[in-house]
Amino acid sequence: MSGGASMTPVPITTAAMARAHVRAVVLEQWNSPSRRATETAVIDLLLVVSELAANAVRHGGGLVGVEATPTPEGVRLAVHDNSDVVPAAAFGSGGLPPVHLGNGYGWPLIIRLARDITIERRPEGGKTISVLVPLQTMP
């Protein structure tokens, strides 16, 4: 862990709150005078945040909290929800679904933009999905 980030989950219950929190972590803790994330990298990070948060709300019984921990490579996200169900798509190829039926693009997007995807059940119930989203820096 670097940048003095706390491991205590922030009580966040919407995708918009999650995006605002993660953007603040990048601006206040990851960026520095010698390193600054590109806007494209931040957009990619926020897409992953949006998808994980939306999945927690839609399929995980509600978004319980979000952690964003700066690392030398980028930001490690941990998204907590209320469901013990592990999404099978999380370990897929990242390929897009052959037919769009209103959903199905979230996990392929997460797989393409994130690394080190882990899913762990929480002792108090529910699960935590953790990913590392690398950040490109400005030259």
Protein backbone atom coordinates (compact mmCIF):
# COMPACT_ATOMS: atom_id res chain seq x y z
CA MET A 1 0.00 0.00 0.00
CA SER A 2 1.26 3.48 -0.77
CA GLY A 3 0.02 7.04 -0.61
CA GLY A 4 -1.40 6.70 2.89
CA ALA A 5 -4.67 5.17 1.67
CA SER A 6 -6.94 3.65 4.27
CA MET A 7 -8.07 0.05 3.97
CA THR A 8 -11.39 0.88 5.64
CA PRO A 9 -14.19 0.65 3.06
CA VAL A 10 -15.84 3.94 2.26
CA PRO A 11 -19.65 3.67 2.66
CA ILE A 12 -20.59 4.17 -0.96
CA THR A 13 -23.92 3.01 -2.33
CA THR A 14 -24.06 4.34 -5.92
CA ALA A 15 -21.86 4.21 -9.00
CA ALA A 16 -21.68 8.02 -9.05
CA MET A 17 -20.39 8.10 -5.46
CA ALA A 18 -17.85 5.39 -6.32
CA ARG A 19 -16.57 7.30 -9.36
CA ALA A 20 -16.23 10.53 -7.37
CA HIS A 21 -14.33 8.74 -4.60
CA VAL A 22 -11.94 6.98 -7.00
CA ARG A 23 -11.28 10.15 -9.02
CA ALA A 24 -10.41 11.95 -5.77
CA VAL A 25 -7.97 9.16 -4.83
CA VAL A 26 -6.21 9.54 -8.20
CA LEU A 27 -6.03 13.33 -7.96
CA GLU A 28 -5.07 13.53 -4.28
CA GLN A 29 -3.02 10.37 -3.70
CA TRP A 30 -1.81 8.84 -6.99
CA ASN A 31 -0.87 11.93 -8.98
CA SER A 32 2.30 13.66 -7.85
CA PRO A 33 4.69 16.29 -9.21
CA SER A 34 6.65 13.51 -10.95
CA ARG A 35 3.70 11.33 -12.05
CA ARG A 36 0.31 12.21 -13.46
CA ALA A 37 -2.32 9.85 -14.88
CA THR A 38 -3.51 10.55 -18.41
CA GLU A 39 -7.16 11.49 -18.81
CA THR A 40 -7.66 8.35 -20.93
CA ALA A 41 -6.30 6.21 -18.09
CA VAL A 42 -8.64 7.90 -15.61
CA ILE A 43 -11.61 7.36 -17.95
CA ASP A 44 -10.72 3.65 -18.22
CA LEU A 45 -10.44 3.43 -14.43
CA LEU A 46 -13.82 5.12 -13.97
CA LEU A 47 -15.42 2.74 -16.51
CA VAL A 48 -14.22 -0.20 -14.42
CA VAL A 49 -15.54 1.48 -11.26
CA SER A 50 -18.91 2.08 -12.92
CA GLU A 51 -19.23 -1.51 -14.10
CA LEU A 52 -18.24 -3.04 -10.76
CA ALA A 53 -20.56 -0.71 -8.84
CA ALA A 54 -23.46 -1.28 -11.25
CA ASN A 55 -22.97 -5.05 -11.01
CA ALA A 56 -23.02 -4.83 -7.21
CA VAL A 57 -26.29 -2.89 -7.33
CA ARG A 58 -27.92 -4.97 -10.06
CA HIS A 59 -26.67 -8.48 -9.25
CA GLY A 60 -24.98 -8.29 -5.84
CA GLY A 61 -27.78 -7.26 -3.53
CA GLY A 62 -26.47 -3.73 -3.22
CA LEU A 63 -23.19 -1.85 -3.13
CA VAL A 64 -21.76 -1.93 0.40
CA GLY A 65 -18.47 -0.10 -0.03
CA VAL A 66 -15.55 0.76 -2.27
CA GLU A 67 -11.84 0.92 -1.54
CA ALA A 68 -9.35 2.57 -3.89
CA THR A 69 -5.72 1.98 -3.00
CA PRO A 70 -2.94 3.66 -5.00
CA THR A 71 -0.13 1.33 -6.12
CA PRO A 72 2.96 2.09 -8.20
CA GLU A 73 1.18 0.60 -11.26
CA GLY A 74 -2.24 2.18 -10.81
CA VAL A 75 -5.21 1.80 -8.48
CA ARG A 76 -6.41 -1.36 -6.77
CA LEU A 77 -10.18 -1.34 -6.42
CA ALA A 78 -12.14 -3.42 -3.96
CA VAL A 79 -15.91 -3.38 -4.37
CA HIS A 80 -18.05 -4.96 -1.66
CA ASP A 81 -21.59 -6.24 -2.17
CA ASN A 82 -24.18 -8.34 -0.31
CA SER A 83 -24.24 -11.45 -2.52
CA ASP A 84 -22.20 -14.64 -2.08
CA VAL A 85 -22.67 -15.50 -5.76
CA VAL A 86 -19.44 -15.41 -7.78
CA PRO A 87 -20.11 -14.19 -11.34
CA ALA A 88 -18.91 -16.81 -13.84
CA ALA A 89 -18.23 -14.06 -16.40
CA ALA A 90 -15.48 -12.65 -14.16
CA PHE A 91 -13.19 -15.44 -15.29
CA GLY A 92 -14.15 -15.35 -18.97
CA SER A 93 -12.05 -14.53 -21.99
CA GLY A 94 -13.03 -10.87 -22.13
CA GLY A 95 -14.74 -11.46 -25.46
CA LEU A 96 -17.91 -9.53 -26.18
CA PRO A 97 -21.21 -11.45 -26.18
CA PRO A 98 -22.29 -12.56 -29.68
CA VAL A 99 -25.73 -10.96 -29.25
CA HIS A 100 -26.54 -7.84 -27.24
CA LEU A 101 -29.59 -8.49 -25.08
CA GLY A 102 -29.41 -5.37 -22.92
CA ASN A 103 -26.39 -6.41 -20.89
CA GLY A 104 -23.28 -8.52 -21.06
CA TYR A 105 -20.58 -5.95 -21.86
CA GLY A 106 -19.52 -5.13 -18.29
CA TRP A 107 -17.27 -8.07 -17.46
CA PRO A 108 -15.56 -8.13 -20.86
CA LEU A 109 -14.75 -4.43 -20.36
CA ILE A 110 -13.44 -5.08 -16.82
CA ILE A 111 -11.31 -8.01 -18.02
CA ARG A 112 -9.79 -5.89 -20.81
CA LEU A 113 -8.98 -2.88 -18.61
CA ALA A 114 -8.07 -4.50 -15.27
CA ARG A 115 -5.57 -7.04 -13.98
CA ASP A 116 -5.33 -9.36 -10.96
CA ILE A 117 -9.07 -9.98 -10.63
CA THR A 118 -9.93 -11.73 -7.38
CA ILE A 119 -13.25 -12.51 -5.75
CA GLU A 120 -13.44 -13.37 -2.07
CA ARG A 121 -16.40 -14.06 0.17
CA ARG A 122 -16.67 -11.69 3.12
CA PRO A 123 -16.94 -13.22 6.63
CA GLU A 124 -20.03 -11.10 7.35
CA GLY A 125 -21.68 -12.19 4.08
CA GLY A 126 -21.43 -10.99 0.53
CA LYS A 127 -18.23 -10.75 -1.45
CA THR A 128 -15.42 -8.43 -2.45
CA ILE A 129 -14.28 -8.10 -6.05
CA SER A 130 -10.78 -6.72 -6.28
CA VAL A 131 -8.98 -5.59 -9.43
CA LEU A 132 -5.89 -3.61 -10.32
CA VAL A 133 -6.40 -0.96 -12.98
CA PRO A 134 -3.06 0.19 -14.41
CA LEU A 135 -2.67 3.91 -15.04
CA GLN A 136 -0.71 5.34 -17.95
CA THR A 137 1.22 8.50 -17.14
CA MET A 138 1.78 11.67 -19.09
CA PRO A 139 5.26 12.01 -20.59
